[in-house]
C-alpha cells in the first residue's frame, strides 16, 4: 500500500505543479489580487504615476492599451514643449536628466536635456519601469460600455474588452482620451466653451485671433476657381462655420503625427505612398505653394543623430484640420478610422511634396533630402505609433482651470505642480470667407505670463461622483487653459502628484477629496516637485 501511495504521489505532484504554474492560472490568480493602485494608460504620465507608487512602497499595475510605453514622448515629440523648464521637478525632471546621461554619459548628473530620439525616450521609460519592478499589462483596452464597476462612489474593478478584470483600491486615468474617467460617471466636456461660461476672452470661436498658421496669400476655395457650384476643395468644411467669435462649439483642435525625419542617407527611407493616395486632397496646398509660399517643414526641430521632430507649421501642413471631431467620444472603431485617416493624410502629404511634378522643383528637392529613419518605430513601418491627441475630453470638477489661472488672476492655494506654456490652440476648422477664399480658424497663441500653479482639485472628480480616481491628463480645465497645461512634462508632474495623493488616501483611509493637503505638500516637496514659482528658479542647467 505504501508503495502504491508513493507511486501515485510521484504521478500526481508534477500534474499539480503544472496546473498551478500554467500561464492562464497564474495570470488569473495574479489579477484576482487587489492592487493598491491601478494606472490605466502607459503614457509618460502613466509611467511616472506607477513609478511613484512603488517609491511609496505600494503594489501597482500599469495597463497599456497598445504595446509601447511613453505615449507622445516616445511617439515623436522629441522637442519638449514646456516654456520655462525650471518649472519642472520630481520624476519628470529625472526623465530629462536621464536623457542627458544617455547622450552625455558621465556629465553633470543635475543637467537636463530636452531633445531626444523616440526610441531613446521609450528605452528610458522602459528602464524606469524595469528598475521599479512594475507589472505592465499590454494590449488590453477598457470595455467602453461596461468596463467600470463601482460600489457607491468607489471604483472596485475595471474590465477590459478581453474580459480581464483588475481590482484596485485607487485608480489613475493617465490616457489622453479619459476613457476610465468617462466610464466612472465623472462629469466631463469636450470642444470649446463659450467665453461667457468662465468669463474668458480666448475661448470659443476665434477668427480675430487666428493670425498664425494662416494663409498669407489668398487661395480660391472651389474646385473650379470662382465657381461655388463646382464644390469645395477637399479639406474645407461646409458645416455652418466659422460661427460667432466667443461662442462655444463641438470642434476639436487639430491632431497630427509628430514626424521623426532624418537627412542621413544611410538611415533614410523614402516617404511611403498610401494605397489610397489622391492628389486632389492636396490641391489646396498646390495652389497655395504656387503663390510663392512653402513653409510645411519650417517647424522641424533638430534632434540628435540627424533627426527631427517635425510639427505643424503654416496654413496647410501636417495638422489634419477638422477631421477629429468624433474622436473624444468615439468608440475604438471610430477612433481607429480617424487615426488611419490622419496617417494616410500625412503620408500622402509627404509623398505629394516629394513627388508631384506640378510643384516647384525647389520644393521637391528640399523634401527629398528627408525621409523616415530606419531605426525608429521599426514595428510600425517606421511611422510614429502615437497620434498627437492634443485635446480630447476634459473633466469638470470642483475647480476648473481657466484663462484666469494662466494669467495669474486666480491662484490656487493647493497646487500640485506648475504649468509654463503659452495658451496655445491649433486650428479647428477650415472655411470659406465672404470673398470665396480659404481661411483657418481656431489658432490662439497668447503668452507672456510666468509659470502658474495647478490646483489639486482639478485632478480629482467631484466627491459625489467618484472618490478613488485621479485624472492628471484629462484634468478639469477650460479649452484655452488646457492649451497651456497640455504639455508632456506637466502631465508627468501631475501624474506623480496624483500617485502621491492616491497613496495618501490609502494611508489616511479617506476619500481622495478629503486627504490632508499639508501632508501631501510635504511629500511633494520632499520629492522635489516645484509648487511655487520663484524668479531664482529661472537659472537651469539644460540643453
Protein backbone atom coordinates (compact mmCIF):
# COMPACT_ATOMS: atom_id res chain seq x y z
CA UNK A 1 0.00 0.00 0.00
CA UNK A 2 2.82 2.38 0.89
CA UNK A 3 4.46 1.64 -2.47
CA UNK A 4 1.22 2.43 -4.35
CA UNK A 5 0.83 5.71 -2.46
CA UNK A 6 4.40 6.70 -3.30
CA UNK A 7 3.83 5.97 -7.00
CA UNK A 8 0.58 7.99 -7.03
CA UNK A 9 2.34 10.90 -5.33
CA UNK A 10 5.10 10.81 -7.95
CA UNK A 11 2.50 10.89 -10.74
CA UNK A 12 0.11 13.47 -9.28
CA UNK A 13 2.65 16.00 -7.94
CA UNK A 14 4.01 17.08 -11.36
CA UNK A 15 0.43 17.47 -12.59
CA UNK A 16 -0.41 19.74 -9.67
CA UNK A 17 2.73 21.80 -10.29
CA UNK A 18 1.91 22.16 -14.00
CA UNK A 19 -1.66 23.27 -13.26
CA UNK A 20 -0.65 25.77 -10.61
CA UNK A 21 2.14 27.31 -12.71
CA UNK A 22 0.39 27.37 -16.08
CA UNK A 23 0.22 30.90 -17.57
CA UNK A 24 -3.58 31.07 -17.55
CA UNK A 25 -3.83 30.02 -13.93
CA UNK A 26 -1.05 32.25 -12.63
CA UNK A 27 -2.38 35.20 -14.64
CA UNK A 28 -5.89 34.71 -13.31
CA UNK A 29 -4.66 34.47 -9.72
CA UNK A 30 -2.45 37.49 -10.13
CA UNK A 31 -5.25 39.66 -11.48
CA UNK A 32 -7.60 38.45 -8.77
CA UNK A 33 -5.38 40.34 -6.35
CA UNK A 34 -6.45 43.82 -5.30
CA UNK A 35 -3.81 46.35 -6.28
CA UNK A 36 -3.18 49.43 -4.17
CA UNK A 37 -3.12 51.49 -7.36
CA UNK A 38 -4.28 50.70 -10.87
CA UNK A 39 -2.91 53.04 -13.55
CA UNK A 40 -4.72 52.93 -16.88
CA UNK A 41 -2.67 54.31 -19.77
CA UNK A 42 1.04 53.78 -20.38
CA UNK A 43 1.66 57.36 -21.46
CA UNK A 44 4.56 59.30 -19.99
CA UNK A 45 2.17 60.26 -17.20
CA UNK A 46 1.16 56.64 -16.62
CA UNK A 47 4.76 55.50 -16.29
CA UNK A 48 5.58 58.24 -13.79
CA UNK A 49 2.44 57.53 -11.73
CA UNK A 50 3.33 53.84 -11.47
CA UNK A 51 6.96 54.52 -10.56
CA UNK A 52 5.93 56.95 -7.82
CA UNK A 53 3.60 54.37 -6.26
CA UNK A 54 6.47 51.90 -5.99
CA UNK A 55 8.66 54.60 -4.47
CA UNK A 56 5.98 54.92 -1.79
CA UNK A 57 6.01 51.14 -1.30
CA UNK A 58 2.63 50.29 -2.80
CA UNK A 59 1.51 47.47 -5.10
CA UNK A 60 0.76 48.90 -8.55
CA UNK A 61 -0.18 47.67 -12.01
CA UNK A 62 0.12 49.64 -15.24
CA UNK A 63 -2.27 48.84 -18.10
CA UNK A 64 -1.40 50.00 -21.61
CA UNK A 65 -3.98 49.59 -24.41
CA UNK A 66 -1.19 49.38 -27.00
CA UNK A 67 2.26 47.87 -26.92
CA UNK A 68 4.51 50.86 -26.26
CA UNK A 69 5.18 52.98 -23.19
CA UNK A 70 5.68 56.73 -23.17
CA UNK A 71 2.77 57.98 -25.24
CA UNK A 72 3.70 61.01 -27.28
CA UNK A 73 7.09 61.43 -25.58
CA UNK A 74 8.22 58.18 -27.20
CA UNK A 75 5.96 58.72 -30.20
CA UNK A 76 7.78 61.52 -31.98
CA UNK A 77 7.59 64.56 -29.72
CA UNK A 78 11.29 64.87 -29.06
CA UNK A 79 11.36 68.67 -28.91
CA UNK A 80 9.91 69.18 -25.45
CA UNK A 81 7.24 71.87 -25.24
CA UNK A 82 7.20 73.49 -21.83
CA UNK A 83 8.11 77.18 -21.72
CA UNK A 84 10.28 77.78 -18.66
CA UNK A 85 11.82 74.39 -17.90
CA UNK A 86 12.71 75.36 -14.35
CA UNK A 87 9.04 74.80 -13.51
CA UNK A 88 9.56 71.05 -13.89
CA UNK A 89 10.72 68.93 -10.96
CA UNK A 90 10.40 65.46 -9.45
CA UNK A 91 10.38 62.34 -11.62
CA UNK A 92 9.54 64.41 -14.68
CA UNK A 93 12.82 66.25 -14.27
CA UNK A 94 14.51 62.91 -13.65
CA UNK A 95 13.37 61.70 -17.07
CA UNK A 96 15.11 64.64 -18.76
CA UNK A 97 18.21 64.09 -16.64
CA UNK A 98 18.28 60.50 -17.89
CA UNK A 99 18.05 61.80 -21.45
CA UNK A 100 21.13 63.93 -20.82
CA UNK A 101 23.02 61.00 -19.32
CA UNK A 102 22.15 58.85 -22.33
CA UNK A 103 23.67 61.31 -24.76
CA UNK A 104 26.41 62.62 -22.45
CA UNK A 105 27.40 59.76 -20.13
CA UNK A 106 29.42 60.87 -17.16
CA UNK A 107 28.37 64.51 -17.48
CA UNK A 108 26.86 66.66 -14.72
CA UNK A 109 24.16 64.47 -13.15
CA UNK A 110 21.98 67.51 -12.41
CA UNK A 111 21.89 68.64 -16.04
CA UNK A 112 18.84 68.03 -18.20
CA UNK A 113 18.39 67.54 -21.95
CA UNK A 114 15.07 68.30 -23.58
CA UNK A 115 15.55 66.98 -27.13
CA UNK A 116 15.76 63.27 -27.88
CA UNK A 117 15.05 60.47 -30.34
CA UNK A 118 11.81 58.49 -29.91
CA UNK A 119 13.49 55.14 -29.28
CA UNK A 120 15.69 56.71 -26.60
CA UNK A 121 12.66 58.04 -24.76
CA UNK A 122 10.97 54.64 -24.91
CA UNK A 123 14.10 52.94 -23.59
CA UNK A 124 14.23 55.32 -20.65
CA UNK A 125 10.58 54.76 -19.78
CA UNK A 126 11.11 51.00 -20.04
CA UNK A 127 14.18 51.27 -17.82
CA UNK A 128 12.23 53.20 -15.19
CA UNK A 129 9.53 50.53 -15.17
CA UNK A 130 12.06 47.70 -15.01
CA UNK A 131 14.04 49.31 -12.20
CA UNK A 132 10.87 49.72 -10.17
CA UNK A 133 9.75 46.14 -10.88
CA UNK A 134 6.34 47.25 -12.12
CA UNK A 135 3.91 44.82 -13.73
CA UNK A 136 2.78 46.12 -17.13
CA UNK A 137 -0.19 44.63 -18.95
CA UNK A 138 -0.01 45.44 -22.67
CA UNK A 139 -2.68 45.35 -25.39
CA UNK A 140 -5.65 45.47 -23.04
CA UNK A 141 -8.34 48.09 -23.72
CA UNK A 142 -11.07 49.14 -21.32
CA UNK A 143 -14.55 47.91 -22.16
CA UNK A 144 -16.07 51.28 -23.03
CA UNK A 145 -19.64 50.26 -22.20
CA UNK A 146 -19.35 48.10 -19.10
CA UNK A 147 -15.73 48.37 -18.08
CA UNK A 148 -16.02 50.24 -14.79
CA UNK A 149 -17.54 48.56 -11.74
CA UNK A 150 -18.38 50.78 -8.77
CA UNK A 151 -19.59 50.30 -5.25
CA UNK A 152 -21.18 53.57 -4.28
CA UNK A 153 -18.73 56.29 -5.26
CA UNK A 154 -15.73 53.97 -5.40
CA UNK A 155 -14.39 52.06 -8.38
CA UNK A 156 -13.90 48.44 -7.35
CA UNK A 157 -12.60 46.96 -10.59
CA UNK A 158 -12.18 47.66 -14.27
CA UNK A 159 -12.87 45.17 -17.04
CA UNK A 160 -11.05 45.00 -20.35
CA UNK A 161 -12.53 44.07 -23.73
CA UNK A 162 -10.92 40.65 -23.35
CA UNK A 163 -12.83 40.05 -20.13
CA UNK A 164 -9.77 40.55 -17.95
CA UNK A 165 -10.86 42.08 -14.64
CA UNK A 166 -8.48 44.12 -12.49
CA UNK A 167 -9.36 45.13 -8.96
CA UNK A 168 -7.89 48.10 -7.16
CA UNK A 169 -8.19 50.42 -4.20
CA UNK A 170 -7.19 53.57 -6.09
CA UNK A 171 -7.23 54.34 -9.82
CA UNK A 172 -5.49 56.81 -12.12
CA UNK A 173 -6.64 57.59 -15.66
CA UNK A 174 -3.43 58.54 -17.49
CA UNK A 175 -4.84 58.27 -21.02
CA UNK A 176 -5.14 61.12 -23.50
CA UNK A 177 -8.81 60.21 -24.05
CA UNK A 178 -10.11 59.96 -20.48
CA UNK A 179 -11.94 56.66 -21.02
CA UNK A 180 -11.67 55.48 -17.42
CA UNK A 181 -12.84 58.88 -16.21
CA UNK A 182 -15.84 58.85 -18.55
CA UNK A 183 -16.73 55.27 -17.67
CA UNK A 184 -16.69 56.15 -13.99
CA UNK A 185 -19.63 58.52 -14.32
CA UNK A 186 -17.49 61.61 -13.86
CA UNK A 187 -18.71 64.85 -15.43
CA UNK A 188 -16.66 65.94 -18.45
CA UNK A 189 -16.77 68.09 -21.55
CA UNK A 190 -15.04 68.45 -24.92
CA UNK A 191 -14.76 71.08 -27.63
CA UNK A 192 -14.66 74.77 -26.76
CA UNK A 193 -16.65 76.55 -24.08
CA UNK A 194 -18.07 79.97 -24.80
CA UNK A 195 -16.17 82.91 -23.36
CA UNK A 196 -19.21 83.67 -21.22
CA UNK A 197 -19.05 80.37 -19.34
CA UNK A 198 -15.91 81.22 -17.34
CA UNK A 199 -15.66 84.92 -18.18
CA UNK A 200 -12.71 84.31 -20.51
CA UNK A 201 -11.66 86.15 -23.69
CA UNK A 202 -9.69 83.46 -25.58
CA UNK A 203 -12.12 80.56 -25.54
CA UNK A 204 -14.74 79.60 -28.13
CA UNK A 205 -14.58 80.51 -31.81
CA UNK A 206 -11.55 82.66 -32.63
CA UNK A 207 -11.47 84.20 -36.10
CA UNK A 208 -9.92 87.50 -34.98
CA UNK A 209 -7.05 85.85 -33.11
CA UNK A 210 -6.39 83.30 -35.88
CA UNK A 211 -3.42 85.17 -37.30
CA UNK A 212 -0.80 82.41 -37.08
CA UNK A 213 -0.63 79.41 -39.42
CA UNK A 214 -2.90 81.38 -41.69
CA UNK A 215 -2.97 81.75 -45.48
CA UNK A 216 -0.54 84.55 -46.28
CA UNK A 217 -1.81 84.83 -49.84
CA UNK A 218 -5.44 84.39 -50.92
CA UNK A 219 -6.37 80.98 -52.34
CA UNK A 220 -9.65 80.16 -54.07
CA UNK A 221 -11.74 77.58 -52.19
CA UNK A 222 -13.57 75.95 -55.09
CA UNK A 223 -12.69 73.03 -57.32
CA UNK A 224 -13.20 75.30 -60.34
CA UNK A 225 -11.87 78.66 -59.17
CA UNK A 226 -14.59 81.24 -58.81
CA UNK A 227 -17.42 78.72 -59.25
CA UNK A 228 -19.09 77.82 -55.96
CA UNK A 229 -21.33 75.32 -57.76
CA UNK A 230 -18.27 73.17 -58.54
CA UNK A 231 -17.89 72.33 -54.84
CA UNK A 232 -15.26 72.94 -52.19
CA UNK A 233 -11.73 71.63 -52.37
CA UNK A 234 -11.00 68.67 -50.04
CA UNK A 235 -10.14 69.72 -46.50
CA UNK A 236 -12.53 72.68 -46.41
CA UNK A 237 -15.55 72.28 -44.16
CA UNK A 238 -19.12 73.17 -45.03
CA UNK A 239 -20.85 72.84 -41.66
CA UNK A 240 -22.06 76.35 -40.96
CA UNK A 241 -18.75 77.77 -39.81
CA UNK A 242 -16.94 79.75 -38.79
CA UNK A 243 -19.56 80.98 -36.33
CA UNK A 244 -19.51 83.96 -33.98
CA UNK A 245 -16.35 84.83 -32.09
CA UNK A 246 -16.52 83.75 -28.45
CA UNK A 247 -19.32 81.23 -28.94
CA UNK A 248 -18.71 77.66 -27.82
CA UNK A 249 -18.80 74.71 -30.19
CA UNK A 250 -18.07 70.99 -30.56
CA UNK A 251 -14.89 71.42 -32.58
CA UNK A 252 -11.53 69.95 -31.51
CA UNK A 253 -8.11 71.45 -32.18
CA UNK A 254 -6.32 69.59 -34.94
CA UNK A 255 -4.25 66.44 -34.45
CA UNK A 256 -1.16 65.32 -36.33
CA UNK A 257 1.72 62.88 -36.06
CA UNK A 258 4.93 64.41 -34.78
CA UNK A 259 7.08 63.02 -37.58
CA UNK A 260 10.62 61.93 -36.88
CA UNK A 261 12.55 62.58 -40.09
CA UNK A 262 16.21 62.16 -41.00
CA UNK A 263 18.52 63.53 -43.66
CA UNK A 264 21.22 60.93 -43.02
CA UNK A 265 21.30 58.91 -46.29
CA UNK A 266 22.30 55.57 -44.76
CA UNK A 267 19.43 55.76 -42.26
CA UNK A 268 16.83 57.32 -44.56
CA UNK A 269 13.82 55.63 -46.12
CA UNK A 270 11.75 57.32 -48.84
CA UNK A 271 8.29 58.55 -47.88
CA UNK A 272 5.75 55.76 -48.49
CA UNK A 273 2.82 56.27 -50.83
CA UNK A 274 -0.53 55.45 -49.15
CA UNK A 275 -2.57 52.87 -51.03
CA UNK A 276 -5.50 55.29 -51.27
CA UNK A 277 -3.40 58.30 -52.29
CA UNK A 278 -5.43 61.02 -54.01
CA UNK A 279 -3.53 64.08 -55.24
CA UNK A 280 -6.75 66.12 -55.17
CA UNK A 281 -6.53 66.03 -51.37
CA UNK A 282 -3.55 68.39 -51.69
CA UNK A 283 -4.88 70.66 -54.45
CA UNK A 284 -5.32 73.46 -51.93
CA UNK A 285 -1.68 73.14 -50.88
CA UNK A 286 -0.59 73.10 -54.53
CA UNK A 287 -2.42 76.36 -55.20
CA UNK A 288 -1.02 77.92 -52.06
CA UNK A 289 2.54 76.81 -52.85
CA UNK A 290 2.19 78.24 -56.33
CA UNK A 291 1.50 81.66 -54.79
CA UNK A 292 5.10 81.51 -53.56
CA UNK A 293 4.67 80.19 -50.01
CA UNK A 294 6.28 76.92 -48.91
CA UNK A 295 6.58 76.54 -45.14
CA UNK A 296 5.39 72.99 -44.44
CA UNK A 297 8.73 71.86 -42.99
CA UNK A 298 9.60 75.10 -41.23
CA UNK A 299 8.87 73.67 -37.79
CA UNK A 300 11.33 70.78 -37.95
CA UNK A 301 13.40 70.96 -34.80
CA UNK A 302 16.74 69.19 -34.79
CA UNK A 303 17.07 66.08 -32.65
CA UNK A 304 20.28 64.11 -32.03
CA UNK A 305 21.81 61.97 -34.78
CA UNK A 306 20.49 63.85 -37.78
CA UNK A 307 16.80 63.54 -36.92
CA UNK A 308 13.91 65.94 -36.44
CA UNK A 309 10.72 66.41 -34.54
CA UNK A 310 8.53 67.84 -37.31
CA UNK A 311 5.42 69.63 -36.10
CA UNK A 312 2.73 71.58 -37.92
CA UNK A 313 3.70 74.91 -39.45
CA UNK A 314 1.79 77.15 -41.81
CA UNK A 315 -1.68 77.32 -43.31
CA UNK A 316 -1.63 73.82 -44.81
CA UNK A 317 0.74 71.32 -43.24
CA UNK A 318 0.70 68.25 -41.00
CA UNK A 319 -2.39 69.22 -38.98
CA UNK A 320 -5.42 67.41 -40.43
CA UNK A 321 -7.79 70.24 -39.62
CA UNK A 322 -11.41 69.38 -38.89
CA UNK A 323 -11.03 65.60 -39.17
CA UNK A 324 -11.13 64.69 -35.48
CA UNK A 325 -14.43 65.95 -34.09
CA UNK A 326 -15.72 62.45 -33.36
CA UNK A 327 -12.54 61.27 -31.66
CA UNK A 328 -13.07 62.18 -27.96
CA UNK A 329 -16.34 60.26 -27.53
CA UNK A 330 -15.79 57.78 -30.33
CA UNK A 331 -15.66 54.03 -29.85
CA UNK A 332 -12.47 52.17 -30.75
CA UNK A 333 -13.59 51.58 -34.33
CA UNK A 334 -14.32 55.27 -34.86
CA UNK A 335 -11.03 56.31 -33.31
CA UNK A 336 -9.03 53.78 -35.32
CA UNK A 337 -10.62 55.11 -38.51
CA UNK A 338 -9.70 58.67 -37.52
CA UNK A 339 -6.12 57.63 -36.68
CA UNK A 340 -5.80 55.85 -40.04
CA UNK A 341 -7.23 58.89 -41.84
CA UNK A 342 -4.57 61.06 -40.19
CA UNK A 343 -1.84 58.59 -41.10
CA UNK A 344 -2.94 58.41 -44.73
CA UNK A 345 -3.30 62.18 -44.90
CA UNK A 346 0.16 62.85 -43.55
CA UNK A 347 1.91 60.13 -45.55
CA UNK A 348 0.10 61.38 -48.63
CA UNK A 349 1.19 64.92 -47.83
CA UNK A 350 4.87 63.96 -47.76
CA UNK A 351 4.53 61.80 -50.88
CA UNK A 352 2.87 64.71 -52.68
CA UNK A 353 5.59 67.18 -51.67
CA UNK A 354 8.36 64.79 -52.68
CA UNK A 355 6.93 63.62 -55.99
CA UNK A 356 4.23 65.75 -57.61
CA UNK A 357 5.73 67.27 -60.79
CA UNK A 358 3.36 70.24 -60.62
CA UNK A 359 5.22 71.53 -57.58
CA UNK A 360 8.25 73.80 -57.97
CA UNK A 361 11.48 71.82 -58.24
CA UNK A 362 12.97 73.52 -55.18
CA UNK A 363 10.10 72.15 -53.07
CA UNK A 364 10.61 68.58 -54.24
CA UNK A 365 14.38 68.87 -53.87
CA UNK A 366 14.06 70.11 -50.29
CA UNK A 367 11.57 67.43 -49.24
CA UNK A 368 13.60 64.64 -50.83
CA UNK A 369 16.51 65.46 -48.56
CA UNK A 370 14.40 63.90 -45.83
CA UNK A 371 12.83 60.54 -45.12
CA UNK A 372 11.76 58.19 -42.34
CA UNK A 373 14.53 56.83 -40.09
CA UNK A 374 15.19 53.10 -40.42
CA UNK A 375 15.89 52.83 -36.68
CA UNK A 376 12.67 54.41 -35.40
CA UNK A 377 9.24 52.78 -34.96
CA UNK A 378 10.60 49.59 -36.51
CA UNK A 379 7.47 47.58 -35.66
CA UNK A 380 5.15 50.16 -37.27
CA UNK A 381 6.64 50.72 -40.71
CA UNK A 382 8.91 53.44 -39.29
CA UNK A 383 5.85 55.60 -38.64
CA UNK A 384 5.01 57.03 -35.17
CA UNK A 385 2.79 54.74 -33.10
CA UNK A 386 1.09 57.64 -31.30
CA UNK A 387 -1.17 60.26 -32.88
CA UNK A 388 -0.85 63.65 -31.20
CA UNK A 389 -4.14 63.85 -29.31
CA UNK A 390 -3.77 67.49 -28.41
CA UNK A 391 -7.09 67.56 -26.62
CA UNK A 392 -9.99 65.17 -26.11
CA UNK A 393 -12.21 65.01 -23.04
CA UNK A 394 -11.72 67.34 -20.09
CA UNK A 395 -13.07 66.60 -16.63
CA UNK A 396 -15.36 69.07 -14.87
CA UNK A 397 -14.58 69.02 -11.15
CA UNK A 398 -14.96 71.39 -8.23
CA UNK A 399 -12.16 73.54 -9.65
CA UNK A 400 -11.84 74.28 -13.35
CA UNK A 401 -8.51 75.70 -14.51
CA UNK A 402 -9.19 78.71 -16.76
CA UNK A 403 -7.53 81.59 -18.54
CA UNK A 404 -7.58 83.43 -15.21
CA UNK A 405 -5.22 80.84 -13.69
CA UNK A 406 -2.87 81.09 -16.66
CA UNK A 407 -2.70 84.86 -16.35
CA UNK A 408 -2.25 84.81 -12.57
CA UNK A 409 -5.62 86.45 -11.86
CA UNK A 410 -6.73 83.32 -10.00
CA UNK A 411 -4.17 81.47 -7.87
CA UNK A 412 -4.90 78.16 -6.16
CA UNK A 413 -3.62 77.63 -2.63
CA UNK A 414 -3.41 73.82 -3.08
CA UNK A 415 -1.01 73.39 -6.02
CA UNK A 416 0.24 70.03 -7.26
CA UNK A 417 2.55 71.36 -9.97
CA UNK A 418 3.21 74.24 -12.32
CA UNK A 419 2.34 74.84 -15.96
CA UNK A 420 4.54 77.11 -18.00
CA UNK A 421 3.46 77.27 -21.64
CA UNK A 422 1.66 79.78 -23.80
CA UNK A 423 -2.12 79.42 -24.08
CA UNK A 424 -1.99 77.53 -27.35
CA UNK A 425 -4.73 76.07 -29.52
CA UNK A 426 -4.23 74.78 -33.03
CA UNK A 427 -6.79 75.49 -35.74
CA UNK A 428 -10.09 73.64 -35.52
CA UNK A 429 -11.70 74.37 -38.87
CA UNK A 430 -11.01 75.49 -42.45
CA UNK A 431 -13.78 77.56 -44.01
CA UNK A 432 -14.66 79.88 -46.92
CA UNK A 433 -14.78 83.61 -46.31
CA UNK A 434 -17.14 86.07 -47.95
CA UNK A 435 -14.83 86.50 -50.93
CA UNK A 436 -14.65 82.79 -51.68
CA UNK A 437 -11.15 82.41 -50.25
CA UNK A 438 -9.91 79.86 -47.71
CA UNK A 439 -9.34 80.72 -44.06
CA UNK A 440 -8.32 78.75 -40.96
CA UNK A 441 -9.93 79.30 -37.55
CA UNK A 442 -9.07 78.38 -34.00
CA UNK A 443 -5.37 79.10 -33.56
CA UNK A 444 -4.57 81.06 -30.41
CA UNK A 445 -1.04 81.73 -29.18
CA UNK A 446 -1.05 84.09 -26.21
CA UNK A 447 1.74 84.06 -23.65
CA UNK A 448 3.83 86.47 -21.66
CA UNK A 449 2.91 85.15 -18.20
CA UNK A 450 5.15 83.31 -15.69
CA UNK A 451 4.64 79.67 -14.63
CA UNK A 452 1.47 79.23 -12.59
CA UNK A 453 0.11 76.62 -10.15
CA UNK A 454 -2.35 73.83 -11.00
CA UNK A 455 -4.97 73.04 -8.36
CA UNK A 456 -5.21 69.66 -6.65
CA UNK A 457 -8.98 69.91 -7.11
CA UNK A 458 -8.54 69.99 -10.88
CA UNK A 459 -7.13 66.43 -10.96
CA UNK A 460 -9.80 64.82 -8.76
CA UNK A 461 -13.52 64.44 -9.55
CA UNK A 462 -16.36 65.85 -7.53
CA UNK A 463 -16.74 63.80 -4.37
CA UNK A 464 -20.32 62.79 -5.16
CA UNK A 465 -19.17 61.27 -8.46
CA UNK A 466 -16.06 59.23 -7.61
CA UNK A 467 -13.85 59.08 -4.53
CA UNK A 468 -10.90 56.91 -5.57
CA UNK A 469 -9.98 58.23 -9.03
CA UNK A 470 -7.40 60.80 -10.15
CA UNK A 471 -7.14 62.32 -13.63
CA UNK A 472 -3.78 64.06 -14.25
CA UNK A 473 -4.08 64.24 -18.07
CA UNK A 474 -7.74 64.94 -18.94
CA UNK A 475 -7.91 67.24 -15.94
CA UNK A 476 -10.58 69.82 -15.14
CA UNK A 477 -9.83 72.76 -17.39
CA UNK A 478 -11.37 75.05 -19.95
CA UNK A 479 -10.28 74.58 -23.55
CA UNK A 480 -7.93 77.55 -23.62
CA UNK A 481 -6.31 76.82 -20.25
CA UNK A 482 -5.81 73.20 -21.30
CA UNK A 483 -3.93 74.59 -24.31
CA UNK A 484 -1.31 75.81 -21.86
CA UNK A 485 -1.33 72.87 -19.45
CA UNK A 486 -1.28 70.06 -22.05
CA UNK A 487 2.49 69.52 -22.20
CA UNK A 488 4.20 66.18 -21.60
CA UNK A 489 6.48 67.35 -18.74
CA UNK A 490 3.45 68.83 -16.96
CA UNK A 491 1.44 65.63 -17.42
CA UNK A 492 4.31 63.76 -15.78
CA UNK A 493 4.44 66.26 -12.91
CA UNK A 494 0.71 65.97 -12.33
CA UNK A 495 0.87 62.18 -12.57
CA UNK A 496 3.49 61.98 -9.83
CA UNK A 497 1.39 64.26 -7.63
CA UNK A 498 -1.73 62.21 -8.41
CA UNK A 499 0.01 58.99 -7.46
CA UNK A 500 1.28 60.53 -4.25
CA UNK A 501 -2.21 61.74 -3.39
CA UNK A 502 -3.66 58.30 -4.11
CA UNK A 503 -1.20 56.71 -1.68
CA UNK A 504 -2.03 59.30 0.97
CA UNK A 505 -5.72 58.48 0.57
CA UNK A 506 -4.90 54.83 1.22
CA UNK A 507 -2.72 55.59 4.22
CA UNK A 508 -5.22 58.05 5.70
CA UNK A 509 -8.17 55.77 4.85
CA UNK A 510 -10.01 58.72 3.31
CA UNK A 511 -11.72 59.63 0.09
CA UNK A 512 -9.28 61.30 -2.29
CA UNK A 513 -11.08 64.64 -1.89
CA UNK A 514 -10.59 64.57 1.90
CA UNK A 515 -6.88 63.91 2.28
CA UNK A 516 -4.66 66.33 4.17
CA UNK A 517 -3.16 68.75 1.68
CA UNK A 518 -0.49 69.66 4.23
CA UNK A 519 0.71 66.05 4.29
CA UNK A 520 0.53 65.83 0.51
CA UNK A 521 2.51 69.03 0.07
CA UNK A 522 5.18 67.80 2.46
CA UNK A 523 5.72 64.67 0.34
CA UNK A 524 5.62 66.57 -2.96
CA UNK A 525 8.34 68.94 -1.77
CA UNK A 526 10.35 66.02 -0.46
CA UNK A 527 10.16 64.57 -3.98
CA UNK A 528 11.42 67.90 -5.39
CA UNK A 529 8.20 68.90 -7.09
CA UNK A 530 8.01 72.62 -7.90
CA UNK A 531 4.83 74.09 -6.40
CA UNK A 532 5.53 77.80 -6.36
CA UNK A 533 7.26 79.96 -8.93
CA UNK A 534 10.22 82.00 -7.81
CA UNK A 535 12.42 84.13 -10.02
CA UNK A 536 15.56 82.34 -8.87
CA UNK A 537 14.25 79.16 -10.50
CA UNK A 538 14.91 80.69 -13.91
CA UNK A 539 18.54 79.57 -13.78
CA UNK A 540 18.59 75.99 -15.05
CA UNK A 541 21.23 73.63 -16.38
CA UNK A 542 19.71 72.42 -19.60
CA UNK A 543 20.38 71.61 -23.23
